[in-house]
Amino acid sequence: MRIAILVLAAGFSRRFRESGGEHKLLASLNGKPVLQHTLEHAAATGLDLFVVTRPEETEIAALINAGRSVICNSQGIGDSIAAGVKASADYDGWLITLGDMPFLTVESLLAVADALRHAPLVRAEVNGEPGHPVGFQRPFYPALIALSGDTGARALLQRAPCQAVKLADKGCVLDIDTRSDLQRFLRAL
């Protein structure tokens, strides 16, 4: 089964900018941009990597070394997912994660990918809290490419049985939305 990892990096970073920062994916975390950590972990899985970004985000595009860039004039996460899945249409399944999840480990990505080989819809879960990545097999292709706006795949997850992949990795549920999130995570490291 061929599985692609889709890293969604086409957001506007509104909350981070409103909290006094620049684009959150370019914010420094241990000397590297947040997105670079996420991409390095995704690339280390050995799975094919697709990164969805906006056309004007040249600094983000410059970080994409080990994957294929998918350009999307995204109006929300639904548009980004649809663009990424369309760009990787010849795959049998997709692991979807967010660019602002730099603590998500290679092991967690691989655990969810392994579960996806045996179940059509899977999702990381940490202490009962749903997280990322979320994995979809090919039967979800038509629904994924029809997504738009800012609701993402939430409705698909609510309608179809989803296998929880129970993990201890808090990186599955930690994302960076504001400068205070970033500062809190830096202090915890």
C-alpha atoms as a PDB file:
ATOM      1  CA  MET A   1       0.000   0.000   0.000  1.00  0.00           C
ATOM      2  CA  ARG A   2       1.440   3.374  -1.046  1.00  0.00           C
ATOM      3  CA  ILE A   3       0.863   6.044   1.572  1.00  0.00           C
ATOM      4  CA  ALA A   4       1.648   9.736   1.162  1.00  0.00           C
ATOM      5  CA  ILE A   5       2.144  12.167   4.018  1.00  0.00           C
ATOM      6  CA  LEU A   6       0.428  15.513   3.468  1.00  0.00           C
ATOM      7  CA  VAL A   7       1.772  18.383   5.561  1.00  0.00           C
ATOM      8  CA  LEU A   8      -0.645  21.300   5.498  1.00  0.00           C
ATOM      9  CA  ALA A   9       1.277  24.586   5.458  1.00  0.00           C
ATOM     10  CA  ALA A  10      -1.122  26.914   3.620  1.00  0.00           C
ATOM     11  CA  GLY A  11      -2.728  28.661   6.581  1.00  0.00           C
ATOM     12  CA  PHE A  12      -2.612  32.402   7.175  1.00  0.00           C
ATOM     13  CA  SER A  13      -1.153  32.159  10.707  1.00  0.00           C
ATOM     14  CA  ARG A  14      -3.664  34.787  11.878  1.00  0.00           C
ATOM     15  CA  ARG A  15      -3.645  33.974  15.610  1.00  0.00           C
ATOM     16  CA  PHE A  16       0.153  33.858  15.744  1.00  0.00           C
ATOM     17  CA  ARG A  17       0.435  37.192  13.929  1.00  0.00           C
ATOM     18  CA  GLU A  18      -2.286  38.734  16.109  1.00  0.00           C
ATOM     19  CA  SER A  19      -0.273  37.672  19.170  1.00  0.00           C
ATOM     20  CA  GLY A  20       2.708  39.696  17.907  1.00  0.00           C
ATOM     21  CA  GLY A  21       4.610  37.146  15.852  1.00  0.00           C
ATOM     22  CA  GLU A  22       5.475  36.595  12.220  1.00  0.00           C
ATOM     23  CA  HIS A  23       4.290  33.504  10.327  1.00  0.00           C
ATOM     24  CA  LYS A  24       4.233  30.699  12.889  1.00  0.00           C
ATOM     25  CA  LEU A  25       5.724  28.151  10.503  1.00  0.00           C
ATOM     26  CA  LEU A  26       8.798  30.371  10.143  1.00  0.00           C
ATOM     27  CA  ALA A  27       9.143  31.106  13.876  1.00  0.00           C
ATOM     28  CA  SER A  28      12.378  29.822  15.381  1.00  0.00           C
ATOM     29  CA  LEU A  29      12.262  26.684  17.502  1.00  0.00           C
ATOM     30  CA  ASN A  30      15.680  25.504  18.695  1.00  0.00           C
ATOM     31  CA  GLY A  31      17.391  27.381  15.881  1.00  0.00           C
ATOM     32  CA  LYS A  32      15.170  26.147  13.041  1.00  0.00           C
ATOM     33  CA  PRO A  33      11.772  27.195  11.692  1.00  0.00           C
ATOM     34  CA  VAL A  34       8.818  25.323  13.196  1.00  0.00           C
ATOM     35  CA  LEU A  35       7.921  23.898   9.782  1.00  0.00           C
ATOM     36  CA  GLN A  36      11.430  22.561   9.227  1.00  0.00           C
ATOM     37  CA  HIS A  37      11.102  20.343  12.315  1.00  0.00           C
ATOM     38  CA  THR A  38       7.770  19.014  11.037  1.00  0.00           C
ATOM     39  CA  LEU A  39       9.147  18.359   7.545  1.00  0.00           C
ATOM     40  CA  GLU A  40      12.279  16.625   8.834  1.00  0.00           C
ATOM     41  CA  HIS A  41      10.192  14.231  10.924  1.00  0.00           C
ATOM     42  CA  ALA A  42       7.834  13.518   8.020  1.00  0.00           C
ATOM     43  CA  ALA A  43      10.718  12.953   5.585  1.00  0.00           C
ATOM     44  CA  ALA A  44      12.458  10.598   8.032  1.00  0.00           C
ATOM     45  CA  THR A  45       9.529   8.152   7.761  1.00  0.00           C
ATOM     46  CA  GLY A  46      10.573   7.234   4.227  1.00  0.00           C
ATOM     47  CA  LEU A  47       7.016   7.832   3.016  1.00  0.00           C
ATOM     48  CA  ASP A  48       6.453  10.208   0.110  1.00  0.00           C
ATOM     49  CA  LEU A  49       5.899  13.745   1.325  1.00  0.00           C
ATOM     50  CA  PHE A  50       3.620  16.423  -0.141  1.00  0.00           C
ATOM     51  CA  VAL A  51       3.565  19.909   1.386  1.00  0.00           C
ATOM     52  CA  VAL A  52       0.586  22.161   0.674  1.00  0.00           C
ATOM     53  CA  THR A  53       1.457  25.859   0.747  1.00  0.00           C
ATOM     54  CA  ARG A  54       0.299  29.182  -0.661  1.00  0.00           C
ATOM     55  CA  PRO A  55       1.861  30.694  -3.810  1.00  0.00           C
ATOM     56  CA  GLU A  56       3.054  33.841  -2.019  1.00  0.00           C
ATOM     57  CA  GLU A  57       4.799  31.896   0.769  1.00  0.00           C
ATOM     58  CA  THR A  58       8.229  31.714  -0.853  1.00  0.00           C
ATOM     59  CA  GLU A  59      10.056  31.352   2.482  1.00  0.00           C
ATOM     60  CA  ILE A  60       7.937  28.331   3.327  1.00  0.00           C
ATOM     61  CA  ALA A  61       8.451  26.847  -0.136  1.00  0.00           C
ATOM     62  CA  ALA A  62      12.219  27.230   0.330  1.00  0.00           C
ATOM     63  CA  LEU A  63      12.066  24.833   3.308  1.00  0.00           C
ATOM     64  CA  ILE A  64      10.618  22.015   1.212  1.00  0.00           C
ATOM     65  CA  ASN A  65      13.673  19.930   0.358  1.00  0.00           C
ATOM     66  CA  ALA A  66      12.518  16.353   0.774  1.00  0.00           C
ATOM     67  CA  GLY A  67       8.983  16.605  -0.553  1.00  0.00           C
ATOM     68  CA  ARG A  68       6.835  17.842  -3.363  1.00  0.00           C
ATOM     69  CA  SER A  69       5.338  21.277  -3.072  1.00  0.00           C
ATOM     70  CA  VAL A  70       1.615  21.612  -3.770  1.00  0.00           C
ATOM     71  CA  ILE A  71       0.574  25.218  -4.386  1.00  0.00           C
ATOM     72  CA  CYS A  72      -2.934  26.083  -3.252  1.00  0.00           C
ATOM     73  CA  ASN A  73      -4.829  29.369  -2.947  1.00  0.00           C
ATOM     74  CA  SER A  74      -6.376  27.914   0.175  1.00  0.00           C
ATOM     75  CA  GLN A  75      -9.358  29.521   1.831  1.00  0.00           C
ATOM     76  CA  GLY A  76      -9.108  26.973   4.622  1.00  0.00           C
ATOM     77  CA  ILE A  77      -7.962  23.552   5.671  1.00  0.00           C
ATOM     78  CA  GLY A  78     -10.558  21.824   3.467  1.00  0.00           C
ATOM     79  CA  ASP A  79      -9.073  23.400   0.337  1.00  0.00           C
ATOM     80  CA  SER A  80      -5.582  22.395   1.464  1.00  0.00           C
ATOM     81  CA  ILE A  81      -6.546  18.768   2.059  1.00  0.00           C
ATOM     82  CA  ALA A  82      -8.310  18.591  -1.317  1.00  0.00           C
ATOM     83  CA  ALA A  83      -5.283  20.044  -3.126  1.00  0.00           C
ATOM     84  CA  GLY A  84      -2.859  17.673  -1.406  1.00  0.00           C
ATOM     85  CA  VAL A  85      -4.970  14.594  -2.099  1.00  0.00           C
ATOM     86  CA  LYS A  86      -5.489  15.595  -5.754  1.00  0.00           C
ATOM     87  CA  ALA A  87      -1.730  16.073  -6.165  1.00  0.00           C
ATOM     88  CA  SER A  88      -1.132  12.569  -4.808  1.00  0.00           C
ATOM     89  CA  ALA A  89      -4.096  10.905  -6.502  1.00  0.00           C
ATOM     90  CA  ASP A  90      -2.173   7.747  -7.399  1.00  0.00           C
ATOM     91  CA  TYR A  91      -1.601   6.792  -3.748  1.00  0.00           C
ATOM     92  CA  ASP A  92      -3.642   4.256  -1.777  1.00  0.00           C
ATOM     93  CA  GLY A  93      -3.804   6.309   1.397  1.00  0.00           C
ATOM     94  CA  TRP A  94      -2.916   9.628   2.982  1.00  0.00           C
ATOM     95  CA  LEU A  95      -1.593  10.658   6.382  1.00  0.00           C
ATOM     96  CA  ILE A  96      -2.620  14.241   7.008  1.00  0.00           C
ATOM     97  CA  THR A  97      -0.848  16.423   9.538  1.00  0.00           C
ATOM     98  CA  LEU A  98      -0.297  20.106  10.186  1.00  0.00           C
ATOM     99  CA  GLY A  99       2.827  22.155   9.577  1.00  0.00           C
ATOM    100  CA  ASP A 100       2.679  23.612  13.086  1.00  0.00           C
ATOM    101  CA  MET A 101       3.184  20.256  14.834  1.00  0.00           C
ATOM    102  CA  PRO A 102       6.986  20.141  15.217  1.00  0.00           C
ATOM    103  CA  PHE A 103       6.925  17.703  18.141  1.00  0.00           C
ATOM    104  CA  LEU A 104       5.109  14.915  16.275  1.00  0.00           C
ATOM    105  CA  THR A 105       7.613  12.049  16.158  1.00  0.00           C
ATOM    106  CA  VAL A 106       8.686   9.817  13.310  1.00  0.00           C
ATOM    107  CA  GLU A 107       7.563   6.818  15.378  1.00  0.00           C
ATOM    108  CA  SER A 108       4.040   8.208  15.744  1.00  0.00           C
ATOM    109  CA  LEU A 109       3.769   8.940  12.033  1.00  0.00           C
ATOM    110  CA  LEU A 110       4.882   5.379  11.252  1.00  0.00           C
ATOM    111  CA  ALA A 111       2.487   3.876  13.834  1.00  0.00           C
ATOM    112  CA  VAL A 112      -0.485   5.638  12.251  1.00  0.00           C
ATOM    113  CA  ALA A 113       0.738   4.685   8.757  1.00  0.00           C
ATOM    114  CA  ASP A 114       0.930   1.043   9.857  1.00  0.00           C
ATOM    115  CA  ALA A 115      -2.613   1.196  11.260  1.00  0.00           C
ATOM    116  CA  LEU A 116      -3.794   2.719   7.964  1.00  0.00           C
ATOM    117  CA  ARG A 117      -2.655  -0.422   6.150  1.00  0.00           C
ATOM    118  CA  HIS A 118      -5.322  -2.349   8.131  1.00  0.00           C
ATOM    119  CA  ALA A 119      -8.192   0.129   8.567  1.00  0.00           C
ATOM    120  CA  PRO A 120      -9.736   2.678   6.168  1.00  0.00           C
ATOM    121  CA  LEU A 121      -9.795   5.590   8.639  1.00  0.00           C
ATOM    122  CA  VAL A 122      -7.342   6.023  11.509  1.00  0.00           C
ATOM    123  CA  ARG A 123      -6.340   8.789  13.861  1.00  0.00           C
ATOM    124  CA  ALA A 124      -3.700   9.341  16.513  1.00  0.00           C
ATOM    125  CA  GLU A 125      -5.052   9.559  20.040  1.00  0.00           C
ATOM    126  CA  VAL A 126      -3.193  10.566  23.208  1.00  0.00           C
ATOM    127  CA  ASN A 127      -4.894   9.942  26.570  1.00  0.00           C
ATOM    128  CA  GLY A 128      -8.307   9.968  24.881  1.00  0.00           C
ATOM    129  CA  GLU A 129      -7.610  13.217  23.004  1.00  0.00           C
ATOM    130  CA  PRO A 130      -7.804  12.972  19.194  1.00  0.00           C
ATOM    131  CA  GLY A 131      -4.779  14.287  17.357  1.00  0.00           C
ATOM    132  CA  HIS A 132      -2.707  14.075  14.204  1.00  0.00           C
ATOM    133  CA  PRO A 133      -1.911  12.505  11.922  1.00  0.00           C
ATOM    134  CA  VAL A 134      -5.218  11.333  10.534  1.00  0.00           C
ATOM    135  CA  GLY A 135      -5.093   8.597   7.907  1.00  0.00           C
ATOM    136  CA  PHE A 136      -7.514   7.896   5.065  1.00  0.00           C
ATOM    137  CA  GLN A 137      -7.520   5.003   2.609  1.00  0.00           C
ATOM    138  CA  ARG A 138      -8.450   5.323  -1.080  1.00  0.00           C
ATOM    139  CA  PRO A 139     -12.258   4.895  -0.598  1.00  0.00           C
ATOM    140  CA  PHE A 140     -12.253   8.377   0.968  1.00  0.00           C
ATOM    141  CA  TYR A 141     -10.653   9.966  -2.122  1.00  0.00           C
ATOM    142  CA  PRO A 142     -13.900  11.439  -3.583  1.00  0.00           C
ATOM    143  CA  ALA A 143     -14.888  12.958  -0.236  1.00  0.00           C
ATOM    144  CA  LEU A 144     -11.393  14.332   0.430  1.00  0.00           C
ATOM    145  CA  ILE A 145     -11.075  16.094  -2.932  1.00  0.00           C
ATOM    146  CA  ALA A 146     -14.537  17.614  -2.440  1.00  0.00           C
ATOM    147  CA  LEU A 147     -13.526  19.358   0.807  1.00  0.00           C
ATOM    148  CA  SER A 148     -13.421  23.146   0.901  1.00  0.00           C
ATOM    149  CA  GLY A 149     -13.441  25.995   3.352  1.00  0.00           C
ATOM    150  CA  ASP A 150     -12.205  25.802   6.904  1.00  0.00           C
ATOM    151  CA  THR A 151     -13.938  22.711   8.277  1.00  0.00           C
ATOM    152  CA  GLY A 152     -11.396  20.167   7.090  1.00  0.00           C
ATOM    153  CA  ALA A 153     -12.257  16.491   7.302  1.00  0.00           C
ATOM    154  CA  ARG A 154     -14.115  16.738  10.618  1.00  0.00           C
ATOM    155  CA  ALA A 155     -17.432  15.643   9.079  1.00  0.00           C
ATOM    156  CA  LEU A 156     -15.798  12.559   7.554  1.00  0.00           C
ATOM    157  CA  LEU A 157     -14.367  11.625  10.935  1.00  0.00           C
ATOM    158  CA  GLN A 158     -17.796  11.992  12.539  1.00  0.00           C
ATOM    159  CA  ARG A 159     -19.642   9.942   9.887  1.00  0.00           C
ATOM    160  CA  ALA A 160     -17.323   6.976   9.452  1.00  0.00           C
ATOM    161  CA  PRO A 161     -15.902   4.517  11.980  1.00  0.00           C
ATOM    162  CA  CYS A 162     -12.408   5.686  12.890  1.00  0.00           C
ATOM    163  CA  GLN A 163      -9.777   3.488  14.499  1.00  0.00           C
ATOM    164  CA  ALA A 164      -7.911   5.275  17.265  1.00  0.00           C
ATOM    165  CA  VAL A 165      -4.168   4.678  17.297  1.00  0.00           C
ATOM    166  CA  LYS A 166      -3.350   5.057  20.981  1.00  0.00           C
ATOM    167  CA  LEU A 167       0.007   6.755  21.413  1.00  0.00           C
ATOM    168  CA  ALA A 168       1.947   8.347  24.261  1.00  0.00           C
ATOM    169  CA  ASP A 169       3.456  11.045  21.994  1.00  0.00           C
ATOM    170  CA  LYS A 170       2.111  14.421  23.141  1.00  0.00           C
ATOM    171  CA  GLY A 171       3.452  15.791  19.852  1.00  0.00           C
ATOM    172  CA  CYS A 172       0.297  14.351  18.259  1.00  0.00           C
ATOM    173  CA  VAL A 173      -1.833  16.909  20.088  1.00  0.00           C
ATOM    174  CA  LEU A 174       0.512  19.903  20.471  1.00  0.00           C
ATOM    175  CA  ASP A 175       0.322  22.563  17.797  1.00  0.00           C
ATOM    176  CA  ILE A 176       1.517  26.140  17.825  1.00  0.00           C
ATOM    177  CA  ASP A 177      -1.189  28.754  17.330  1.00  0.00           C
ATOM    178  CA  THR A 178       0.151  31.757  19.258  1.00  0.00           C
ATOM    179  CA  ARG A 179       3.475  33.195  20.418  1.00  0.00           C
ATOM    180  CA  SER A 180       2.596  32.145  23.965  1.00  0.00           C
ATOM    181  CA  ASP A 181       2.191  28.533  22.746  1.00  0.00           C
ATOM    182  CA  LEU A 182       5.670  28.695  21.247  1.00  0.00           C
ATOM    183  CA  GLN A 183       7.161  30.247  24.396  1.00  0.00           C
ATOM    184  CA  ARG A 184       5.478  27.649  26.605  1.00  0.00           C
ATOM    185  CA  PHE A 185       6.844  24.793  24.476  1.00  0.00           C
ATOM    186  CA  LEU A 186      10.327  26.324  24.434  1.00  0.00           C
ATOM    187  CA  ARG A 187      10.328  26.498  28.244  1.00  0.00           C
ATOM    188  CA  ALA A 188       9.234  22.856  28.456  1.00  0.00           C
ATOM    189  CA  LEU A 189      12.090  21.614  26.249  1.00  0.00           C
END
